[in-house]
């Protein structure tokens, strides 16, 4: 029996990009998939673009409770054994579904496949390679090294361990990888499968403080603690967002680092966790660097 993919695209007012997303799916050489777009009631040109592809995909447009709710809706309305979730501004590369199918078919015990990906700008230009890492669950707790559009998982996992947490606005994918990764190892395919779009208007770039705050809360709920790296990262972003009068002098750099340290202290106190030796050494390194050189 040939495994079937269910490709799900959550969408809301992404008329600027969604045609490129759709094209990247329907032009896949592997045709054993159904494609469902779950639109949240777009008011721009999105629906007009989707309607041009009637017969090649199915779609619905209605109010939802956000991205995670839209994906969950798509999962419940499809039947494919392999679930593929592609946001309405991201793209697959040619041959991706065929390549991923070969892994799932060859290794029936594998529950999740993930690959490499590019970060692209609004005009599809590659900015950088996504910093993917070979599978290591402990390291996944420290940094989310999986690029969401390059991740594919069996429906069996959904049946056993649930769908996305619809209470999360930004890190629903990271929470899902942690939940599934605690139960089964993921298969890493060192090949570029997709591209994730980064531009000034997308929510992860617009809401960096909120994104990291949600991640810290999620990690505390899921792991029972917040890893040091996430606290350090949040402190730096919080400082960057509120440092409006940074002077590029040694004193300005020292003031900046001192503010980072204060924010770190507040966060460690908030999560009731003693900083590790790594964190203390990292903070000390930043402070020494500020004394010697401008940032």
C-alpha atoms as a PDB file:
ATOM      1  CA  UNK A   1       0.000   0.000   0.000  1.00  0.00           C
ATOM      2  CA  UNK A   2       1.291   3.455  -0.931  1.00  0.00           C
ATOM      3  CA  UNK A   3       1.423   5.862   1.989  1.00  0.00           C
ATOM      4  CA  UNK A   4      -0.705   8.950   1.522  1.00  0.00           C
ATOM      5  CA  UNK A   5       0.258  12.464   2.630  1.00  0.00           C
ATOM      6  CA  UNK A   6      -2.151  15.016   4.009  1.00  0.00           C
ATOM      7  CA  UNK A   7      -0.722  18.483   3.363  1.00  0.00           C
ATOM      8  CA  UNK A   8      -2.326  21.193   5.506  1.00  0.00           C
ATOM      9  CA  UNK A   9      -1.867  24.921   5.060  1.00  0.00           C
ATOM     10  CA  UNK A  10      -3.228  27.301   7.721  1.00  0.00           C
ATOM     11  CA  UNK A  11      -3.898  30.693   6.162  1.00  0.00           C
ATOM     12  CA  UNK A  12      -5.002  34.196   7.027  1.00  0.00           C
ATOM     13  CA  UNK A  13      -4.511  37.249   4.804  1.00  0.00           C
ATOM     14  CA  UNK A  14      -1.433  35.858   3.079  1.00  0.00           C
ATOM     15  CA  UNK A  15      -2.421  36.731  -0.468  1.00  0.00           C
ATOM     16  CA  UNK A  16       1.057  38.098  -1.026  1.00  0.00           C
ATOM     17  CA  UNK A  17       2.646  34.657  -0.698  1.00  0.00           C
ATOM     18  CA  UNK A  18       0.051  31.901  -0.825  1.00  0.00           C
ATOM     19  CA  UNK A  19       0.229  31.351  -4.585  1.00  0.00           C
ATOM     20  CA  UNK A  20       3.901  30.387  -4.236  1.00  0.00           C
ATOM     21  CA  UNK A  21       3.021  28.054  -1.365  1.00  0.00           C
ATOM     22  CA  UNK A  22       0.278  26.345  -3.378  1.00  0.00           C
ATOM     23  CA  UNK A  23       2.487  25.985  -6.433  1.00  0.00           C
ATOM     24  CA  UNK A  24       5.209  24.324  -4.363  1.00  0.00           C
ATOM     25  CA  UNK A  25       2.715  21.674  -3.258  1.00  0.00           C
ATOM     26  CA  UNK A  26       0.756  20.913  -6.425  1.00  0.00           C
ATOM     27  CA  UNK A  27       3.938  20.684  -8.528  1.00  0.00           C
ATOM     28  CA  UNK A  28       5.365  17.876  -6.389  1.00  0.00           C
ATOM     29  CA  UNK A  29       6.183  14.808  -8.486  1.00  0.00           C
ATOM     30  CA  UNK A  30       4.637  12.589  -5.812  1.00  0.00           C
ATOM     31  CA  UNK A  31       0.869  12.731  -6.362  1.00  0.00           C
ATOM     32  CA  UNK A  32      -0.262  10.577  -3.434  1.00  0.00           C
ATOM     33  CA  UNK A  33      -1.506  13.415  -1.259  1.00  0.00           C
ATOM     34  CA  UNK A  34      -4.550  15.470  -0.498  1.00  0.00           C
ATOM     35  CA  UNK A  35      -4.114  19.186   0.067  1.00  0.00           C
ATOM     36  CA  UNK A  36      -6.345  21.167   2.410  1.00  0.00           C
ATOM     37  CA  UNK A  37      -6.102  24.911   3.062  1.00  0.00           C
ATOM     38  CA  UNK A  38      -7.728  26.017   6.320  1.00  0.00           C
ATOM     39  CA  UNK A  39      -8.290  29.753   5.965  1.00  0.00           C
ATOM     40  CA  UNK A  40      -9.290  31.851   8.937  1.00  0.00           C
ATOM     41  CA  UNK A  41     -11.613  34.173   7.009  1.00  0.00           C
ATOM     42  CA  UNK A  42      -9.171  36.200   4.947  1.00  0.00           C
ATOM     43  CA  UNK A  43     -10.282  39.630   3.716  1.00  0.00           C
ATOM     44  CA  UNK A  44      -7.477  40.180   1.198  1.00  0.00           C
ATOM     45  CA  UNK A  45      -6.959  38.456  -2.166  1.00  0.00           C
ATOM     46  CA  UNK A  46      -6.245  35.059  -0.577  1.00  0.00           C
ATOM     47  CA  UNK A  47      -9.578  33.411  -1.359  1.00  0.00           C
ATOM     48  CA  UNK A  48      -9.504  34.545  -4.980  1.00  0.00           C
ATOM     49  CA  UNK A  49      -6.087  32.940  -5.404  1.00  0.00           C
ATOM     50  CA  UNK A  50      -7.167  29.705  -3.728  1.00  0.00           C
ATOM     51  CA  UNK A  51     -10.238  29.448  -5.935  1.00  0.00           C
ATOM     52  CA  UNK A  52      -8.032  29.409  -9.029  1.00  0.00           C
ATOM     53  CA  UNK A  53      -6.863  25.948  -7.939  1.00  0.00           C
ATOM     54  CA  UNK A  54     -10.259  24.319  -7.487  1.00  0.00           C
ATOM     55  CA  UNK A  55      -9.903  20.639  -8.305  1.00  0.00           C
ATOM     56  CA  UNK A  56      -6.266  20.508  -7.214  1.00  0.00           C
ATOM     57  CA  UNK A  57      -6.931  21.176  -3.544  1.00  0.00           C
ATOM     58  CA  UNK A  58      -9.763  21.566  -1.075  1.00  0.00           C
ATOM     59  CA  UNK A  59     -10.273  24.543   1.189  1.00  0.00           C
ATOM     60  CA  UNK A  60     -12.474  26.142   3.789  1.00  0.00           C
ATOM     61  CA  UNK A  61     -12.668  29.672   5.095  1.00  0.00           C
ATOM     62  CA  UNK A  62     -14.139  30.388   8.515  1.00  0.00           C
ATOM     63  CA  UNK A  63     -13.139  32.038  11.761  1.00  0.00           C
ATOM     64  CA  UNK A  64     -10.764  30.027  13.891  1.00  0.00           C
ATOM     65  CA  UNK A  65      -8.768  30.459  17.096  1.00  0.00           C
ATOM     66  CA  UNK A  66      -5.427  30.913  15.392  1.00  0.00           C
ATOM     67  CA  UNK A  67      -2.777  28.962  13.549  1.00  0.00           C
ATOM     68  CA  UNK A  68      -2.725  25.897  15.809  1.00  0.00           C
ATOM     69  CA  UNK A  69      -6.515  25.606  15.680  1.00  0.00           C
ATOM     70  CA  UNK A  70      -6.415  25.797  11.867  1.00  0.00           C
ATOM     71  CA  UNK A  71      -3.800  23.019  11.644  1.00  0.00           C
ATOM     72  CA  UNK A  72      -5.745  20.846  14.080  1.00  0.00           C
ATOM     73  CA  UNK A  73      -8.868  21.397  12.011  1.00  0.00           C
ATOM     74  CA  UNK A  74      -6.970  20.264   8.932  1.00  0.00           C
ATOM     75  CA  UNK A  75      -5.646  17.157  10.684  1.00  0.00           C
ATOM     76  CA  UNK A  76      -9.159  16.151  11.739  1.00  0.00           C
ATOM     77  CA  UNK A  77     -10.553  16.617   8.220  1.00  0.00           C
ATOM     78  CA  UNK A  78      -7.887  14.626   6.369  1.00  0.00           C
ATOM     79  CA  UNK A  79      -7.002  10.942   6.325  1.00  0.00           C
ATOM     80  CA  UNK A  80      -3.416  10.636   5.060  1.00  0.00           C
ATOM     81  CA  UNK A  81      -1.023   8.454   7.034  1.00  0.00           C
ATOM     82  CA  UNK A  82       1.695  11.136   6.857  1.00  0.00           C
ATOM     83  CA  UNK A  83       0.906  14.687   7.984  1.00  0.00           C
ATOM     84  CA  UNK A  84       2.666  17.607   6.327  1.00  0.00           C
ATOM     85  CA  UNK A  85       2.032  21.136   7.616  1.00  0.00           C
ATOM     86  CA  UNK A  86       3.084  24.023   5.410  1.00  0.00           C
ATOM     87  CA  UNK A  87       2.376  27.620   6.396  1.00  0.00           C
ATOM     88  CA  UNK A  88       0.936  29.982   3.797  1.00  0.00           C
ATOM     89  CA  UNK A  89       4.208  31.861   3.301  1.00  0.00           C
ATOM     90  CA  UNK A  90       6.564  28.860   3.225  1.00  0.00           C
ATOM     91  CA  UNK A  91       7.411  26.517   0.341  1.00  0.00           C
ATOM     92  CA  UNK A  92       8.480  22.973  -0.423  1.00  0.00           C
ATOM     93  CA  UNK A  93      11.345  22.214  -2.739  1.00  0.00           C
ATOM     94  CA  UNK A  94      10.776  19.878  -5.732  1.00  0.00           C
ATOM     95  CA  UNK A  95      10.815  16.130  -4.945  1.00  0.00           C
ATOM     96  CA  UNK A  96      10.321  16.732  -1.213  1.00  0.00           C
ATOM     97  CA  UNK A  97       7.280  14.497  -0.735  1.00  0.00           C
ATOM     98  CA  UNK A  98       8.798  11.709  -2.805  1.00  0.00           C
ATOM     99  CA  UNK A  99      12.041  11.881  -0.828  1.00  0.00           C
ATOM    100  CA  UNK A 100      10.250  11.819   2.524  1.00  0.00           C
ATOM    101  CA  UNK A 101       7.979   8.966   1.409  1.00  0.00           C
ATOM    102  CA  UNK A 102      11.017   6.808   0.653  1.00  0.00           C
ATOM    103  CA  UNK A 103      12.214   7.216   4.235  1.00  0.00           C
ATOM    104  CA  UNK A 104       8.855   6.337   5.785  1.00  0.00           C
ATOM    105  CA  UNK A 105       8.464   3.357   3.437  1.00  0.00           C
ATOM    106  CA  UNK A 106      11.982   2.028   3.950  1.00  0.00           C
ATOM    107  CA  UNK A 107      11.875   2.460   7.738  1.00  0.00           C
ATOM    108  CA  UNK A 108       8.340   1.674   8.947  1.00  0.00           C
ATOM    109  CA  UNK A 109       9.422   2.176  12.559  1.00  0.00           C
ATOM    110  CA  UNK A 110      10.234   5.850  11.894  1.00  0.00           C
ATOM    111  CA  UNK A 111       7.502   8.155  13.159  1.00  0.00           C
ATOM    112  CA  UNK A 112       8.947  11.588  12.324  1.00  0.00           C
ATOM    113  CA  UNK A 113      11.213  12.718   9.482  1.00  0.00           C
ATOM    114  CA  UNK A 114      12.838  16.145   9.355  1.00  0.00           C
ATOM    115  CA  UNK A 115      15.332  17.675   6.993  1.00  0.00           C
ATOM    116  CA  UNK A 116      17.335  20.789   6.281  1.00  0.00           C
ATOM    117  CA  UNK A 117      15.794  24.037   5.071  1.00  0.00           C
ATOM    118  CA  UNK A 118      16.588  27.528   3.861  1.00  0.00           C
ATOM    119  CA  UNK A 119      15.472  30.824   5.312  1.00  0.00           C
ATOM    120  CA  UNK A 120      14.191  32.969   2.446  1.00  0.00           C
ATOM    121  CA  UNK A 121      13.128  36.590   2.142  1.00  0.00           C
ATOM    122  CA  UNK A 122       9.910  38.023   0.687  1.00  0.00           C
ATOM    123  CA  UNK A 123      11.281  37.598  -2.848  1.00  0.00           C
ATOM    124  CA  UNK A 124      12.312  33.944  -2.406  1.00  0.00           C
ATOM    125  CA  UNK A 125      16.011  34.754  -2.072  1.00  0.00           C
ATOM    126  CA  UNK A 126      17.877  32.450   0.296  1.00  0.00           C
ATOM    127  CA  UNK A 127      19.153  34.423   3.294  1.00  0.00           C
ATOM    128  CA  UNK A 128      20.729  31.567   5.206  1.00  0.00           C
ATOM    129  CA  UNK A 129      20.478  27.878   5.912  1.00  0.00           C
ATOM    130  CA  UNK A 130      18.288  27.007   8.880  1.00  0.00           C
ATOM    131  CA  UNK A 131      20.548  25.814  11.750  1.00  0.00           C
ATOM    132  CA  UNK A 132      19.320  22.214  11.767  1.00  0.00           C
ATOM    133  CA  UNK A 133      21.018  19.605  13.954  1.00  0.00           C
ATOM    134  CA  UNK A 134      21.111  15.818  13.980  1.00  0.00           C
ATOM    135  CA  UNK A 135      18.616  14.278  16.380  1.00  0.00           C
ATOM    136  CA  UNK A 136      19.355  14.827  20.053  1.00  0.00           C
ATOM    137  CA  UNK A 137      16.399  15.232  22.387  1.00  0.00           C
ATOM    138  CA  UNK A 138      18.435  16.837  25.164  1.00  0.00           C
ATOM    139  CA  UNK A 139      19.753  19.465  22.754  1.00  0.00           C
ATOM    140  CA  UNK A 140      16.221  20.075  21.448  1.00  0.00           C
ATOM    141  CA  UNK A 141      15.344  21.315  24.923  1.00  0.00           C
ATOM    142  CA  UNK A 142      18.097  23.910  24.599  1.00  0.00           C
ATOM    143  CA  UNK A 143      17.267  25.162  21.107  1.00  0.00           C
ATOM    144  CA  UNK A 144      14.551  24.477  18.532  1.00  0.00           C
ATOM    145  CA  UNK A 145      16.719  23.221  15.675  1.00  0.00           C
ATOM    146  CA  UNK A 146      13.864  21.774  13.595  1.00  0.00           C
ATOM    147  CA  UNK A 147      12.480  23.917  10.780  1.00  0.00           C
ATOM    148  CA  UNK A 148       8.717  23.383  10.893  1.00  0.00           C
ATOM    149  CA  UNK A 149       7.934  23.088   7.126  1.00  0.00           C
ATOM    150  CA  UNK A 150      10.681  20.446   6.841  1.00  0.00           C
ATOM    151  CA  UNK A 151       9.048  18.152   9.441  1.00  0.00           C
ATOM    152  CA  UNK A 152       6.694  15.264   8.581  1.00  0.00           C
ATOM    153  CA  UNK A 153       5.018  12.871  11.034  1.00  0.00           C
ATOM    154  CA  UNK A 154       2.758   9.848  11.053  1.00  0.00           C
ATOM    155  CA  UNK A 155      -0.879  10.206  12.028  1.00  0.00           C
ATOM    156  CA  UNK A 156      -0.272   7.455  14.588  1.00  0.00           C
ATOM    157  CA  UNK A 157       1.499  10.034  16.765  1.00  0.00           C
ATOM    158  CA  UNK A 158      -1.528  12.317  16.666  1.00  0.00           C
ATOM    159  CA  UNK A 159      -3.777   9.448  17.702  1.00  0.00           C
ATOM    160  CA  UNK A 160      -1.500   8.570  20.620  1.00  0.00           C
ATOM    161  CA  UNK A 161      -0.191  11.916  21.830  1.00  0.00           C
ATOM    162  CA  UNK A 162      -2.531  14.586  20.513  1.00  0.00           C
ATOM    163  CA  UNK A 163      -2.536  17.545  18.165  1.00  0.00           C
ATOM    164  CA  UNK A 164      -1.112  21.058  18.550  1.00  0.00           C
ATOM    165  CA  UNK A 165      -1.777  23.046  21.705  1.00  0.00           C
ATOM    166  CA  UNK A 166      -4.238  25.677  20.460  1.00  0.00           C
ATOM    167  CA  UNK A 167      -3.515  27.864  23.502  1.00  0.00           C
ATOM    168  CA  UNK A 168      -0.096  28.646  22.023  1.00  0.00           C
ATOM    169  CA  UNK A 169       0.254  31.441  19.484  1.00  0.00           C
ATOM    170  CA  UNK A 170       3.936  31.266  18.558  1.00  0.00           C
ATOM    171  CA  UNK A 171       5.641  28.046  19.666  1.00  0.00           C
ATOM    172  CA  UNK A 172       2.999  25.404  18.978  1.00  0.00           C
ATOM    173  CA  UNK A 173       5.388  23.536  16.685  1.00  0.00           C
ATOM    174  CA  UNK A 174       8.233  23.495  19.225  1.00  0.00           C
ATOM    175  CA  UNK A 175       5.902  22.180  21.923  1.00  0.00           C
ATOM    176  CA  UNK A 176       4.739  19.408  19.578  1.00  0.00           C
ATOM    177  CA  UNK A 177       8.311  18.359  18.761  1.00  0.00           C
ATOM    178  CA  UNK A 178       9.131  18.179  22.477  1.00  0.00           C
ATOM    179  CA  UNK A 179       5.997  16.159  23.179  1.00  0.00           C
ATOM    180  CA  UNK A 180       6.555  13.697  20.328  1.00  0.00           C
ATOM    181  CA  UNK A 181      10.334  13.606  20.808  1.00  0.00           C
ATOM    182  CA  UNK A 182       9.890  12.424  24.380  1.00  0.00           C
ATOM    183  CA  UNK A 183       8.175   9.329  22.975  1.00  0.00           C
ATOM    184  CA  UNK A 184      10.140   8.502  19.828  1.00  0.00           C
ATOM    185  CA  UNK A 185      13.411   9.494  18.136  1.00  0.00           C
ATOM    186  CA  UNK A 186      13.144  11.568  14.945  1.00  0.00           C
ATOM    187  CA  UNK A 187      14.845  10.635  11.688  1.00  0.00           C
ATOM    188  CA  UNK A 188      17.162  13.363  10.391  1.00  0.00           C
ATOM    189  CA  UNK A 189      17.522  13.617   6.610  1.00  0.00           C
ATOM    190  CA  UNK A 190      20.462  15.925   5.746  1.00  0.00           C
ATOM    191  CA  UNK A 191      18.826  17.296   2.612  1.00  0.00           C
ATOM    192  CA  UNK A 192      17.013  20.575   2.002  1.00  0.00           C
ATOM    193  CA  UNK A 193      13.293  19.939   1.847  1.00  0.00           C
ATOM    194  CA  UNK A 194      11.654  23.331   2.352  1.00  0.00           C
ATOM    195  CA  UNK A 195      12.115  27.043   2.898  1.00  0.00           C
ATOM    196  CA  UNK A 196      10.811  29.158   5.760  1.00  0.00           C
ATOM    197  CA  UNK A 197      10.104  32.779   4.954  1.00  0.00           C
ATOM    198  CA  UNK A 198      11.465  35.573   7.120  1.00  0.00           C
ATOM    199  CA  UNK A 199      10.381  39.175   6.609  1.00  0.00           C
ATOM    200  CA  UNK A 200       9.631  42.180   8.787  1.00  0.00           C
ATOM    201  CA  UNK A 201       5.860  41.675   8.911  1.00  0.00           C
ATOM    202  CA  UNK A 202       5.758  38.045  10.042  1.00  0.00           C
ATOM    203  CA  UNK A 203       4.750  37.524  13.626  1.00  0.00           C
ATOM    204  CA  UNK A 204       7.958  35.951  14.924  1.00  0.00           C
ATOM    205  CA  UNK A 205       9.937  39.013  13.805  1.00  0.00           C
ATOM    206  CA  UNK A 206       7.323  41.520  14.993  1.00  0.00           C
ATOM    207  CA  UNK A 207       6.807  40.001  18.426  1.00  0.00           C
ATOM    208  CA  UNK A 208      10.204  38.719  19.562  1.00  0.00           C
ATOM    209  CA  UNK A 209       9.649  39.437  23.266  1.00  0.00           C
ATOM    210  CA  UNK A 210       6.223  37.795  23.239  1.00  0.00           C
ATOM    211  CA  UNK A 211       7.579  34.793  21.311  1.00  0.00           C
ATOM    212  CA  UNK A 212      10.359  34.142  23.819  1.00  0.00           C
ATOM    213  CA  UNK A 213       8.108  34.766  26.801  1.00  0.00           C
ATOM    214  CA  UNK A 214       5.663  32.150  25.490  1.00  0.00           C
ATOM    215  CA  UNK A 215       8.490  29.690  24.847  1.00  0.00           C
ATOM    216  CA  UNK A 216       9.755  30.074  28.412  1.00  0.00           C
ATOM    217  CA  UNK A 217       6.298  29.499  29.840  1.00  0.00           C
ATOM    218  CA  UNK A 218       5.742  26.499  27.568  1.00  0.00           C
ATOM    219  CA  UNK A 219       9.084  24.971  28.533  1.00  0.00           C
ATOM    220  CA  UNK A 220       8.315  25.391  32.219  1.00  0.00           C
ATOM    221  CA  UNK A 221       4.959  23.665  31.731  1.00  0.00           C
ATOM    222  CA  UNK A 222       6.357  20.841  29.588  1.00  0.00           C
ATOM    223  CA  UNK A 223       9.769  20.227  31.193  1.00  0.00           C
ATOM    224  CA  UNK A 224       9.236  21.588  34.668  1.00  0.00           C
ATOM    225  CA  UNK A 225      12.004  24.152  34.187  1.00  0.00           C
ATOM    226  CA  UNK A 226      13.350  26.652  31.647  1.00  0.00           C
ATOM    227  CA  UNK A 227      16.789  25.784  30.210  1.00  0.00           C
ATOM    228  CA  UNK A 228      19.479  28.388  30.791  1.00  0.00           C
ATOM    229  CA  UNK A 229      19.960  29.133  27.091  1.00  0.00           C
ATOM    230  CA  UNK A 230      16.335  30.263  26.754  1.00  0.00           C
ATOM    231  CA  UNK A 231      16.575  32.527  29.805  1.00  0.00           C
ATOM    232  CA  UNK A 232      19.797  34.087  28.522  1.00  0.00           C
ATOM    233  CA  UNK A 233      18.279  34.592  25.074  1.00  0.00           C
ATOM    234  CA  UNK A 234      15.123  36.144  26.475  1.00  0.00           C
ATOM    235  CA  UNK A 235      17.132  38.558  28.637  1.00  0.00           C
ATOM    236  CA  UNK A 236      19.112  39.779  25.622  1.00  0.00           C
ATOM    237  CA  UNK A 237      16.008  40.227  23.463  1.00  0.00           C
ATOM    238  CA  UNK A 238      14.180  42.003  26.272  1.00  0.00           C
ATOM    239  CA  UNK A 239      17.154  44.341  26.646  1.00  0.00           C
ATOM    240  CA  UNK A 240      17.378  44.957  22.884  1.00  0.00           C
ATOM    241  CA  UNK A 241      13.677  45.795  22.649  1.00  0.00           C
ATOM    242  CA  UNK A 242      13.887  48.357  25.430  1.00  0.00           C
ATOM    243  CA  UNK A 243      17.332  49.820  24.850  1.00  0.00           C
ATOM    244  CA  UNK A 244      16.443  52.898  22.856  1.00  0.00           C
ATOM    245  CA  UNK A 245      19.441  55.034  23.680  1.00  0.00           C
ATOM    246  CA  UNK A 246      22.315  52.656  23.173  1.00  0.00           C
ATOM    247  CA  UNK A 247      25.561  54.595  22.847  1.00  0.00           C
ATOM    248  CA  UNK A 248      28.263  52.708  20.985  1.00  0.00           C
ATOM    249  CA  UNK A 249      30.933  53.426  23.552  1.00  0.00           C
ATOM    250  CA  UNK A 250      32.593  51.281  26.172  1.00  0.00           C
ATOM    251  CA  UNK A 251      30.324  52.798  28.831  1.00  0.00           C
ATOM    252  CA  UNK A 252      27.256  52.231  26.676  1.00  0.00           C
ATOM    253  CA  UNK A 253      28.264  48.632  26.133  1.00  0.00           C
ATOM    254  CA  UNK A 254      28.803  48.110  29.848  1.00  0.00           C
ATOM    255  CA  UNK A 255      25.384  49.604  30.570  1.00  0.00           C
ATOM    256  CA  UNK A 256      23.869  47.270  27.984  1.00  0.00           C
ATOM    257  CA  UNK A 257      25.501  44.163  29.465  1.00  0.00           C
ATOM    258  CA  UNK A 258      24.594  45.240  32.987  1.00  0.00           C
ATOM    259  CA  UNK A 259      20.954  45.511  31.874  1.00  0.00           C
ATOM    260  CA  UNK A 260      21.162  42.017  30.354  1.00  0.00           C
ATOM    261  CA  UNK A 261      22.504  40.680  33.650  1.00  0.00           C
ATOM    262  CA  UNK A 262      19.702  42.364  35.600  1.00  0.00           C
ATOM    263  CA  UNK A 263      17.114  40.877  33.238  1.00  0.00           C
ATOM    264  CA  UNK A 264      18.750  37.455  33.563  1.00  0.00           C
ATOM    265  CA  UNK A 265      18.595  37.704  37.336  1.00  0.00           C
ATOM    266  CA  UNK A 266      14.909  38.602  37.194  1.00  0.00           C
ATOM    267  CA  UNK A 267      14.148  35.693  34.866  1.00  0.00           C
ATOM    268  CA  UNK A 268      16.065  33.140  36.906  1.00  0.00           C
ATOM    269  CA  UNK A 269      14.259  34.403  40.003  1.00  0.00           C
ATOM    270  CA  UNK A 270      10.916  34.228  38.172  1.00  0.00           C
ATOM    271  CA  UNK A 271      11.444  30.606  37.198  1.00  0.00           C
ATOM    272  CA  UNK A 272      12.925  29.796  40.624  1.00  0.00           C
ATOM    273  CA  UNK A 273      16.092  28.323  39.161  1.00  0.00           C
ATOM    274  CA  UNK A 274      19.733  28.835  40.094  1.00  0.00           C
ATOM    275  CA  UNK A 275      21.866  29.782  37.067  1.00  0.00           C
ATOM    276  CA  UNK A 276      24.190  27.030  35.880  1.00  0.00           C
ATOM    277  CA  UNK A 277      27.951  27.410  35.652  1.00  0.00           C
ATOM    278  CA  UNK A 278      27.500  27.798  31.873  1.00  0.00           C
ATOM    279  CA  UNK A 279      25.186  30.777  32.347  1.00  0.00           C
ATOM    280  CA  UNK A 280      27.442  32.452  34.886  1.00  0.00           C
ATOM    281  CA  UNK A 281      30.465  32.035  32.630  1.00  0.00           C
ATOM    282  CA  UNK A 282      28.500  33.307  29.624  1.00  0.00           C
ATOM    283  CA  UNK A 283      27.390  36.438  31.447  1.00  0.00           C
ATOM    284  CA  UNK A 284      30.903  37.033  32.724  1.00  0.00           C
ATOM    285  CA  UNK A 285      32.260  36.644  29.167  1.00  0.00           C
ATOM    286  CA  UNK A 286      29.773  39.196  27.817  1.00  0.00           C
ATOM    287  CA  UNK A 287      30.706  41.644  30.553  1.00  0.00           C
ATOM    288  CA  UNK A 288      34.456  41.266  29.921  1.00  0.00           C
ATOM    289  CA  UNK A 289      33.875  41.747  26.198  1.00  0.00           C
ATOM    290  CA  UNK A 290      31.985  44.947  26.943  1.00  0.00           C
ATOM    291  CA  UNK A 291      34.908  46.214  28.973  1.00  0.00           C
ATOM    292  CA  UNK A 292      37.384  45.490  26.178  1.00  0.00           C
ATOM    293  CA  UNK A 293      35.477  46.160  22.943  1.00  0.00           C
ATOM    294  CA  UNK A 294      32.283  47.832  21.810  1.00  0.00           C
ATOM    295  CA  UNK A 295      29.522  45.354  20.909  1.00  0.00           C
END
